[in-house]
Amino acid sequence: VLEATEPSSRGGREGDGLVTGGAGPVRSIVMTVADC
């Protein structure tokens, strides 16, 4: 699990969880699933 501090529309950091404080430039988190 990583902290998301900046938008990153193409990924670039390896992990399966992102968290953010909710007050910075990151307004949303997006991932993909297909059974997980």
PDB file of all heavy atoms in Angstrom:
ATOM      1  N   VAL A   1       0.854  -1.187   0.000  1.00  0.00           N
ATOM      2  CA  VAL A   1       0.000   0.000   0.000  1.00  0.00           C
ATOM      3  C   VAL A   1       0.886   1.231   0.000  1.00  0.00           C
ATOM      4  O   VAL A   1       1.840   1.330   0.779  1.00  0.00           O
ATOM      5  CB  VAL A   1      -0.935   0.026   1.237  1.00  0.00           C
ATOM      6  CG1 VAL A   1      -1.882   1.229   1.156  1.00  0.00           C
ATOM      7  CG2 VAL A   1      -1.728  -1.265   1.332  1.00  0.00           C
ATOM      8  N   LEU A   2       0.584   2.183  -0.869  1.00  0.00           N
ATOM      9  CA  LEU A   2       1.376   3.393  -1.043  1.00  0.00           C
ATOM     10  C   LEU A   2       0.520   4.621  -0.780  1.00  0.00           C
ATOM     11  O   LEU A   2      -0.700   4.575  -0.929  1.00  0.00           O
ATOM     12  CB  LEU A   2       1.925   3.467  -2.473  1.00  0.00           C
ATOM     13  CG  LEU A   2       2.692   2.246  -2.992  1.00  0.00           C
ATOM     14  CD1 LEU A   2       2.883   2.364  -4.506  1.00  0.00           C
ATOM     15  CD2 LEU A   2       4.028   2.120  -2.286  1.00  0.00           C
ATOM     16  N   GLU A   3       1.167   5.717  -0.422  1.00  0.00           N
ATOM     17  CA  GLU A   3       0.441   6.977  -0.316  1.00  0.00           C
ATOM     18  C   GLU A   3       0.428   7.658  -1.678  1.00  0.00           C
ATOM     19  O   GLU A   3       1.462   7.763  -2.343  1.00  0.00           O
ATOM     20  CB  GLU A   3       1.070   7.908   0.709  1.00  0.00           C
ATOM     21  CG  GLU A   3       0.253   9.196   0.880  1.00  0.00           C
ATOM     22  CD  GLU A   3       0.810  10.155   1.903  1.00  0.00           C
ATOM     23  OE1 GLU A   3       2.029  10.119   2.157  1.00  0.00           O
ATOM     24  OE2 GLU A   3       0.024  10.968   2.428  1.00  0.00           O
ATOM     25  N   ALA A   4      -0.729   8.111  -2.097  1.00  0.00           N
ATOM     26  CA  ALA A   4      -0.876   8.858  -3.353  1.00  0.00           C
ATOM     27  C   ALA A   4      -0.826  10.344  -3.035  1.00  0.00           C
ATOM     28  O   ALA A   4      -1.742  10.886  -2.432  1.00  0.00           O
ATOM     29  CB  ALA A   4      -2.190   8.500  -4.023  1.00  0.00           C
ATOM     30  N   THR A   5       0.257  10.987  -3.436  1.00  0.00           N
ATOM     31  CA  THR A   5       0.413  12.415  -3.171  1.00  0.00           C
ATOM     32  C   THR A   5       0.281  13.260  -4.424  1.00  0.00           C
ATOM     33  O   THR A   5       0.056  14.470  -4.338  1.00  0.00           O
ATOM     34  CB  THR A   5       1.777  12.703  -2.522  1.00  0.00           C
ATOM     35  OG1 THR A   5       2.828  12.216  -3.384  1.00  0.00           O
ATOM     36  CG2 THR A   5       1.889  12.028  -1.169  1.00  0.00           C
ATOM     37  N   GLU A   6       0.415  12.628  -5.595  1.00  0.00           N
ATOM     38  CA  GLU A   6       0.304  13.324  -6.871  1.00  0.00           C
ATOM     39  C   GLU A   6      -0.507  12.483  -7.837  1.00  0.00           C
ATOM     40  O   GLU A   6      -0.456  11.248  -7.787  1.00  0.00           O
ATOM     41  CB  GLU A   6       1.692  13.592  -7.487  1.00  0.00           C
ATOM     42  CG  GLU A   6       2.603  14.471  -6.659  1.00  0.00           C
ATOM     43  CD  GLU A   6       2.133  15.919  -6.627  1.00  0.00           C
ATOM     44  OE1 GLU A   6       1.381  16.312  -7.546  1.00  0.00           O
ATOM     45  OE2 GLU A   6       2.526  16.639  -5.698  1.00  0.00           O
ATOM     46  N   PRO A   7      -1.266  13.110  -8.731  1.00  0.00           N
ATOM     47  CA  PRO A   7      -1.972  12.340  -9.765  1.00  0.00           C
ATOM     48  C   PRO A   7      -0.974  11.532 -10.600  1.00  0.00           C
ATOM     49  O   PRO A   7       0.166  11.952 -10.802  1.00  0.00           O
ATOM     50  CB  PRO A   7      -2.669  13.420 -10.598  1.00  0.00           C
ATOM     51  CG  PRO A   7      -2.795  14.588  -9.663  1.00  0.00           C
ATOM     52  CD  PRO A   7      -1.561  14.557  -8.822  1.00  0.00           C
ATOM     53  N   SER A   8      -1.423  10.366 -11.077  1.00  0.00           N
ATOM     54  CA  SER A   8      -0.541   9.493 -11.861  1.00  0.00           C
ATOM     55  C   SER A   8      -1.392   8.637 -12.773  1.00  0.00           C
ATOM     56  O   SER A   8      -1.625   7.469 -12.508  1.00  0.00           O
ATOM     57  CB  SER A   8       0.289   8.606 -10.926  1.00  0.00           C
ATOM     58  OG  SER A   8      -0.543   7.924 -10.012  1.00  0.00           O
ATOM     59  N   SER A   9      -1.864   9.220 -13.845  1.00  0.00           N
ATOM     60  CA  SER A   9      -2.860   8.564 -14.688  1.00  0.00           C
ATOM     61  C   SER A   9      -2.331   7.320 -15.396  1.00  0.00           C
ATOM     62  O   SER A   9      -3.114   6.502 -15.861  1.00  0.00           O
ATOM     63  CB  SER A   9      -3.395   9.549 -15.730  1.00  0.00           C
ATOM     64  OG  SER A   9      -2.362   9.993 -16.569  1.00  0.00           O
ATOM     65  N   ARG A  10      -1.029   7.152 -15.488  1.00  0.00           N
ATOM     66  CA  ARG A  10      -0.470   5.980 -16.162  1.00  0.00           C
ATOM     67  C   ARG A  10       0.216   5.029 -15.186  1.00  0.00           C
ATOM     68  O   ARG A  10       0.998   4.174 -15.567  1.00  0.00           O
ATOM     69  CB  ARG A  10       0.514   6.404 -17.247  1.00  0.00           C
ATOM     70  CG  ARG A  10      -0.124   7.214 -18.364  1.00  0.00           C
ATOM     71  CD  ARG A  10       0.852   7.436 -19.516  1.00  0.00           C
ATOM     72  NE  ARG A  10       1.098   6.211 -20.258  1.00  0.00           N
ATOM     73  CZ  ARG A  10       0.359   5.786 -21.278  1.00  0.00           C
ATOM     74  NH1 ARG A  10      -0.702   6.496 -21.667  1.00  0.00           N
ATOM     75  NH2 ARG A  10       0.636   4.672 -21.901  1.00  0.00           N
ATOM     76  N   GLY A  11      -0.060   5.162 -13.908  1.00  0.00           N
ATOM     77  CA  GLY A  11       0.557   4.266 -12.931  1.00  0.00           C
ATOM     78  C   GLY A  11       1.983   4.705 -12.658  1.00  0.00           C
ATOM     79  O   GLY A  11       2.241   5.867 -12.373  1.00  0.00           O
ATOM     80  N   GLY A  12       2.935   3.776 -12.757  1.00  0.00           N
ATOM     81  CA  GLY A  12       4.337   4.116 -12.559  1.00  0.00           C
ATOM     82  C   GLY A  12       4.885   3.676 -11.216  1.00  0.00           C
ATOM     83  O   GLY A  12       6.095   3.599 -11.034  1.00  0.00           O
ATOM     84  N   ARG A  13       4.008   3.378 -10.238  1.00  0.00           N
ATOM     85  CA  ARG A  13       4.433   2.885  -8.941  1.00  0.00           C
ATOM     86  C   ARG A  13       3.784   1.530  -8.720  1.00  0.00           C
ATOM     87  O   ARG A  13       2.596   1.344  -8.961  1.00  0.00           O
ATOM     88  CB  ARG A  13       4.033   3.850  -7.818  1.00  0.00           C
ATOM     89  CG  ARG A  13       4.589   5.241  -7.986  1.00  0.00           C
ATOM     90  CD  ARG A  13       4.055   6.165  -6.902  1.00  0.00           C
ATOM     91  NE  ARG A  13       4.591   5.819  -5.583  1.00  0.00           N
ATOM     92  CZ  ARG A  13       4.083   6.266  -4.434  1.00  0.00           C
ATOM     93  NH1 ARG A  13       3.002   7.027  -4.433  1.00  0.00           N
ATOM     94  NH2 ARG A  13       4.637   5.932  -3.273  1.00  0.00           N
ATOM     95  N   GLU A  14       4.572   0.548  -8.275  1.00  0.00           N
ATOM     96  CA  GLU A  14       4.064  -0.801  -8.115  1.00  0.00           C
ATOM     97  C   GLU A  14       3.445  -0.996  -6.738  1.00  0.00           C
ATOM     98  O   GLU A  14       4.060  -0.690  -5.715  1.00  0.00           O
ATOM     99  CB  GLU A  14       5.184  -1.817  -8.323  1.00  0.00           C
ATOM    100  CG  GLU A  14       5.673  -1.886  -9.752  1.00  0.00           C
ATOM    101  CD  GLU A  14       6.640  -3.020  -9.982  1.00  0.00           C
ATOM    102  OE1 GLU A  14       7.208  -3.544  -8.985  1.00  0.00           O
ATOM    103  OE2 GLU A  14       6.848  -3.395 -11.146  1.00  0.00           O
ATOM    104  N   GLY A  15       2.243  -1.506  -6.727  1.00  0.00           N
ATOM    105  CA  GLY A  15       1.530  -1.773  -5.489  1.00  0.00           C
ATOM    106  C   GLY A  15       0.087  -2.106  -5.786  1.00  0.00           C
ATOM    107  O   GLY A  15      -0.371  -2.003  -6.932  1.00  0.00           O
ATOM    108  N   ASP A  16      -0.648  -2.497  -4.756  1.00  0.00           N
ATOM    109  CA  ASP A  16      -2.049  -2.873  -4.932  1.00  0.00           C
ATOM    110  C   ASP A  16      -2.986  -2.105  -4.013  1.00  0.00           C
ATOM    111  O   ASP A  16      -4.159  -2.462  -3.884  1.00  0.00           O
ATOM    112  CB  ASP A  16      -2.205  -4.378  -4.714  1.00  0.00           C
ATOM    113  CG  ASP A  16      -1.595  -5.162  -5.862  1.00  0.00           C
ATOM    114  OD1 ASP A  16      -0.368  -5.403  -5.844  1.00  0.00           O
ATOM    115  OD2 ASP A  16      -2.335  -5.503  -6.806  1.00  0.00           O
ATOM    116  N   GLY A  17      -2.482  -1.049  -3.408  1.00  0.00           N
ATOM    117  CA  GLY A  17      -3.311  -0.185  -2.599  1.00  0.00           C
ATOM    118  C   GLY A  17      -2.767   1.225  -2.618  1.00  0.00           C
ATOM    119  O   GLY A  17      -1.548   1.433  -2.650  1.00  0.00           O
ATOM    120  N   LEU A  18      -3.674   2.197  -2.651  1.00  0.00           N
ATOM    121  CA  LEU A  18      -3.305   3.606  -2.562  1.00  0.00           C
ATOM    122  C   LEU A  18      -4.198   4.273  -1.534  1.00  0.00           C
ATOM    123  O   LEU A  18      -5.401   3.995  -1.463  1.00  0.00           O
ATOM    124  CB  LEU A  18      -3.484   4.313  -3.908  1.00  0.00           C
ATOM    125  CG  LEU A  18      -2.508   3.970  -5.036  1.00  0.00           C
ATOM    126  CD1 LEU A  18      -2.920   4.697  -6.317  1.00  0.00           C
ATOM    127  CD2 LEU A  18      -1.070   4.331  -4.673  1.00  0.00           C
ATOM    128  N   VAL A  19      -3.610   5.171  -0.749  1.00  0.00           N
ATOM    129  CA  VAL A  19      -4.375   5.973   0.204  1.00  0.00           C
ATOM    130  C   VAL A  19      -3.961   7.430   0.033  1.00  0.00           C
ATOM    131  O   VAL A  19      -2.845   7.737  -0.394  1.00  0.00           O
ATOM    132  CB  VAL A  19      -4.135   5.527   1.658  1.00  0.00           C
ATOM    133  CG1 VAL A  19      -4.602   4.093   1.868  1.00  0.00           C
ATOM    134  CG2 VAL A  19      -2.667   5.671   2.068  1.00  0.00           C
ATOM    135  N   THR A  20      -4.863   8.327   0.371  1.00  0.00           N
ATOM    136  CA  THR A  20      -4.575   9.758   0.281  1.00  0.00           C
ATOM    137  C   THR A  20      -5.312  10.478   1.394  1.00  0.00           C
ATOM    138  O   THR A  20      -6.361  10.022   1.860  1.00  0.00           O
ATOM    139  CB  THR A  20      -4.982  10.327  -1.094  1.00  0.00           C
ATOM    140  OG1 THR A  20      -4.596  11.694  -1.174  1.00  0.00           O
ATOM    141  CG2 THR A  20      -6.475  10.204  -1.333  1.00  0.00           C
ATOM    142  N   GLY A  21      -4.746  11.623   1.803  1.00  0.00           N
ATOM    143  CA  GLY A  21      -5.347  12.387   2.882  1.00  0.00           C
ATOM    144  C   GLY A  21      -6.609  13.115   2.511  1.00  0.00           C
ATOM    145  O   GLY A  21      -7.352  13.569   3.380  1.00  0.00           O
ATOM    146  N   GLY A  22      -6.873  13.245   1.221  1.00  0.00           N
ATOM    147  CA  GLY A  22      -8.119  13.850   0.769  1.00  0.00           C
ATOM    148  C   GLY A  22      -8.095  15.357   0.618  1.00  0.00           C
ATOM    149  O   GLY A  22      -9.091  15.945   0.204  1.00  0.00           O
ATOM    150  N   ALA A  23      -6.956  15.999   0.936  1.00  0.00           N
ATOM    151  CA  ALA A  23      -6.924  17.456   0.867  1.00  0.00           C
ATOM    152  C   ALA A  23      -5.922  17.980  -0.161  1.00  0.00           C
ATOM    153  O   ALA A  23      -5.808  19.188  -0.346  1.00  0.00           O
ATOM    154  CB  ALA A  23      -6.575  18.034   2.244  1.00  0.00           C
ATOM    155  N   GLY A  24      -5.219  17.086  -0.856  1.00  0.00           N
ATOM    156  CA  GLY A  24      -4.200  17.508  -1.805  1.00  0.00           C
ATOM    157  C   GLY A  24      -4.690  17.486  -3.239  1.00  0.00           C
ATOM    158  O   GLY A  24      -5.889  17.509  -3.510  1.00  0.00           O
ATOM    159  N   PRO A  25      -3.745  17.399  -4.178  1.00  0.00           N
ATOM    160  CA  PRO A  25      -4.112  17.426  -5.605  1.00  0.00           C
ATOM    161  C   PRO A  25      -4.784  16.153  -6.097  1.00  0.00           C
ATOM    162  O   PRO A  25      -5.399  16.156  -7.161  1.00  0.00           O
ATOM    163  CB  PRO A  25      -2.765  17.645  -6.304  1.00  0.00           C
ATOM    164  CG  PRO A  25      -1.749  17.087  -5.353  1.00  0.00           C
ATOM    165  CD  PRO A  25      -2.287  17.387  -3.984  1.00  0.00           C
ATOM    166  N   VAL A  26      -4.665  15.058  -5.356  1.00  0.00           N
ATOM    167  CA  VAL A  26      -5.312  13.804  -5.753  1.00  0.00           C
ATOM    168  C   VAL A  26      -6.776  13.852  -5.336  1.00  0.00           C
ATOM    169  O   VAL A  26      -7.099  13.888  -4.155  1.00  0.00           O
ATOM    170  CB  VAL A  26      -4.621  12.591  -5.104  1.00  0.00           C
ATOM    171  CG1 VAL A  26      -5.400  11.306  -5.407  1.00  0.00           C
ATOM    172  CG2 VAL A  26      -3.187  12.465  -5.592  1.00  0.00           C
ATOM    173  N   ARG A  27      -7.660  13.873  -6.330  1.00  0.00           N
ATOM    174  CA  ARG A  27      -9.094  13.929  -6.049  1.00  0.00           C
ATOM    175  C   ARG A  27      -9.765  12.563  -6.149  1.00  0.00           C
ATOM    176  O   ARG A  27     -10.882  12.378  -5.690  1.00  0.00           O
ATOM    177  CB  ARG A  27      -9.775  14.899  -7.031  1.00  0.00           C
ATOM    178  CG  ARG A  27      -9.288  16.329  -6.914  1.00  0.00           C
ATOM    179  CD  ARG A  27      -9.711  16.939  -5.593  1.00  0.00           C
ATOM    180  NE  ARG A  27     -11.169  17.044  -5.492  1.00  0.00           N
ATOM    181  CZ  ARG A  27     -11.819  17.230  -4.334  1.00  0.00           C
ATOM    182  NH1 ARG A  27     -11.151  17.289  -3.199  1.00  0.00           N
ATOM    183  NH2 ARG A  27     -13.139  17.342  -4.325  1.00  0.00           N
ATOM    184  N   SER A  28      -9.078  11.622  -6.772  1.00  0.00           N
ATOM    185  CA  SER A  28      -9.639  10.277  -6.874  1.00  0.00           C
ATOM    186  C   SER A  28      -8.515   9.273  -7.075  1.00  0.00           C
ATOM    187  O   SER A  28      -7.392   9.625  -7.439  1.00  0.00           O
ATOM    188  CB  SER A  28     -10.645  10.176  -8.032  1.00  0.00           C
ATOM    189  OG  SER A  28     -10.010  10.405  -9.274  1.00  0.00           O
ATOM    190  N   ILE A  29      -8.836   8.007  -6.814  1.00  0.00           N
ATOM    191  CA  ILE A  29      -7.923   6.887  -7.038  1.00  0.00           C
ATOM    192  C   ILE A  29      -8.634   5.912  -7.954  1.00  0.00           C
ATOM    193  O   ILE A  29      -9.826   5.636  -7.785  1.00  0.00           O
ATOM    194  CB  ILE A  29      -7.556   6.201  -5.710  1.00  0.00           C
ATOM    195  CG1 ILE A  29      -6.842   7.175  -4.768  1.00  0.00           C
ATOM    196  CG2 ILE A  29      -6.680   4.985  -5.963  1.00  0.00           C
ATOM    197  CD1 ILE A  29      -6.659   6.636  -3.353  1.00  0.00           C
ATOM    198  N   VAL A  30      -7.911   5.376  -8.943  1.00  0.00           N
ATOM    199  CA  VAL A  30      -8.525   4.440  -9.884  1.00  0.00           C
ATOM    200  C   VAL A  30      -7.605   3.239 -10.087  1.00  0.00           C
ATOM    201  O   VAL A  30      -6.386   3.385 -10.192  1.00  0.00           O
ATOM    202  CB  VAL A  30      -8.854   5.128 -11.231  1.00  0.00           C
ATOM    203  CG1 VAL A  30      -7.615   5.716 -11.886  1.00  0.00           C
ATOM    204  CG2 VAL A  30      -9.541   4.155 -12.180  1.00  0.00           C
ATOM    205  N   MET A  31      -8.194   2.054 -10.123  1.00  0.00           N
ATOM    206  CA  MET A  31      -7.486   0.805 -10.395  1.00  0.00           C
ATOM    207  C   MET A  31      -8.371  -0.057 -11.288  1.00  0.00           C
ATOM    208  O   MET A  31      -9.433   0.383 -11.718  1.00  0.00           O
ATOM    209  CB  MET A  31      -7.172   0.061  -9.087  1.00  0.00           C
ATOM    210  CG  MET A  31      -6.218   0.788  -8.165  1.00  0.00           C
ATOM    211  SD  MET A  31      -5.900  -0.184  -6.666  1.00  0.00           S
ATOM    212  CE  MET A  31      -4.773   0.942  -5.824  1.00  0.00           C
ATOM    213  N   THR A  32      -7.939  -1.281 -11.544  1.00  0.00           N
ATOM    214  CA  THR A  32      -8.768  -2.216 -12.297  1.00  0.00           C
ATOM    215  C   THR A  32      -8.886  -3.533 -11.544  1.00  0.00           C
ATOM    216  O   THR A  32      -8.015  -3.903 -10.757  1.00  0.00           O
ATOM    217  CB  THR A  32      -8.212  -2.492 -13.706  1.00  0.00           C
ATOM    218  OG1 THR A  32      -6.883  -3.008 -13.606  1.00  0.00           O
ATOM    219  CG2 THR A  32      -8.220  -1.225 -14.549  1.00  0.00           C
ATOM    220  N   VAL A  33      -9.988  -4.249 -11.801  1.00  0.00           N
ATOM    221  CA  VAL A  33     -10.227  -5.574 -11.220  1.00  0.00           C
ATOM    222  C   VAL A  33     -10.932  -6.444 -12.255  1.00  0.00           C
ATOM    223  O   VAL A  33     -11.568  -5.943 -13.173  1.00  0.00           O
ATOM    224  CB  VAL A  33     -11.099  -5.503  -9.944  1.00  0.00           C
ATOM    225  CG1 VAL A  33     -10.357  -4.838  -8.797  1.00  0.00           C
ATOM    226  CG2 VAL A  33     -12.424  -4.786 -10.217  1.00  0.00           C
ATOM    227  N   ALA A  34     -10.817  -7.771 -12.056  1.00  0.00           N
ATOM    228  CA  ALA A  34     -11.550  -8.723 -12.906  1.00  0.00           C
ATOM    229  C   ALA A  34     -11.601 -10.052 -12.177  1.00  0.00           C
ATOM    230  O   ALA A  34     -10.994 -11.028 -12.609  1.00  0.00           O
ATOM    231  CB  ALA A  34     -10.882  -8.866 -14.265  1.00  0.00           C
ATOM    232  N   ASP A  35     -12.257 -10.110 -11.067  1.00  0.00           N
ATOM    233  CA  ASP A  35     -12.440 -11.204 -10.111  1.00  0.00           C
ATOM    234  C   ASP A  35     -11.824 -10.887  -8.754  1.00  0.00           C
ATOM    235  O   ASP A  35     -12.328 -11.342  -7.731  1.00  0.00           O
ATOM    236  CB  ASP A  35     -11.907 -12.563 -10.582  1.00  0.00           C
ATOM    237  CG  ASP A  35     -12.788 -13.211 -11.631  1.00  0.00           C
ATOM    238  OD1 ASP A  35     -14.000 -12.877 -11.691  1.00  0.00           O
ATOM    239  OD2 ASP A  35     -12.281 -14.045 -12.401  1.00  0.00           O
ATOM    240  N   CYS A  36     -10.701 -10.158  -8.724  1.00  0.00           N
ATOM    241  CA  CYS A  36     -10.156  -9.742  -7.435  1.00  0.00           C
ATOM    242  C   CYS A  36     -11.109  -8.751  -6.767  1.00  0.00           C
ATOM    243  O   CYS A  36     -11.895  -8.082  -7.440  1.00  0.00           O
ATOM    244  CB  CYS A  36      -8.783  -9.091  -7.604  1.00  0.00           C
ATOM    245  SG  CYS A  36      -7.497 -10.252  -8.121  1.00  0.00           S
TER     246      CYS A  36
END
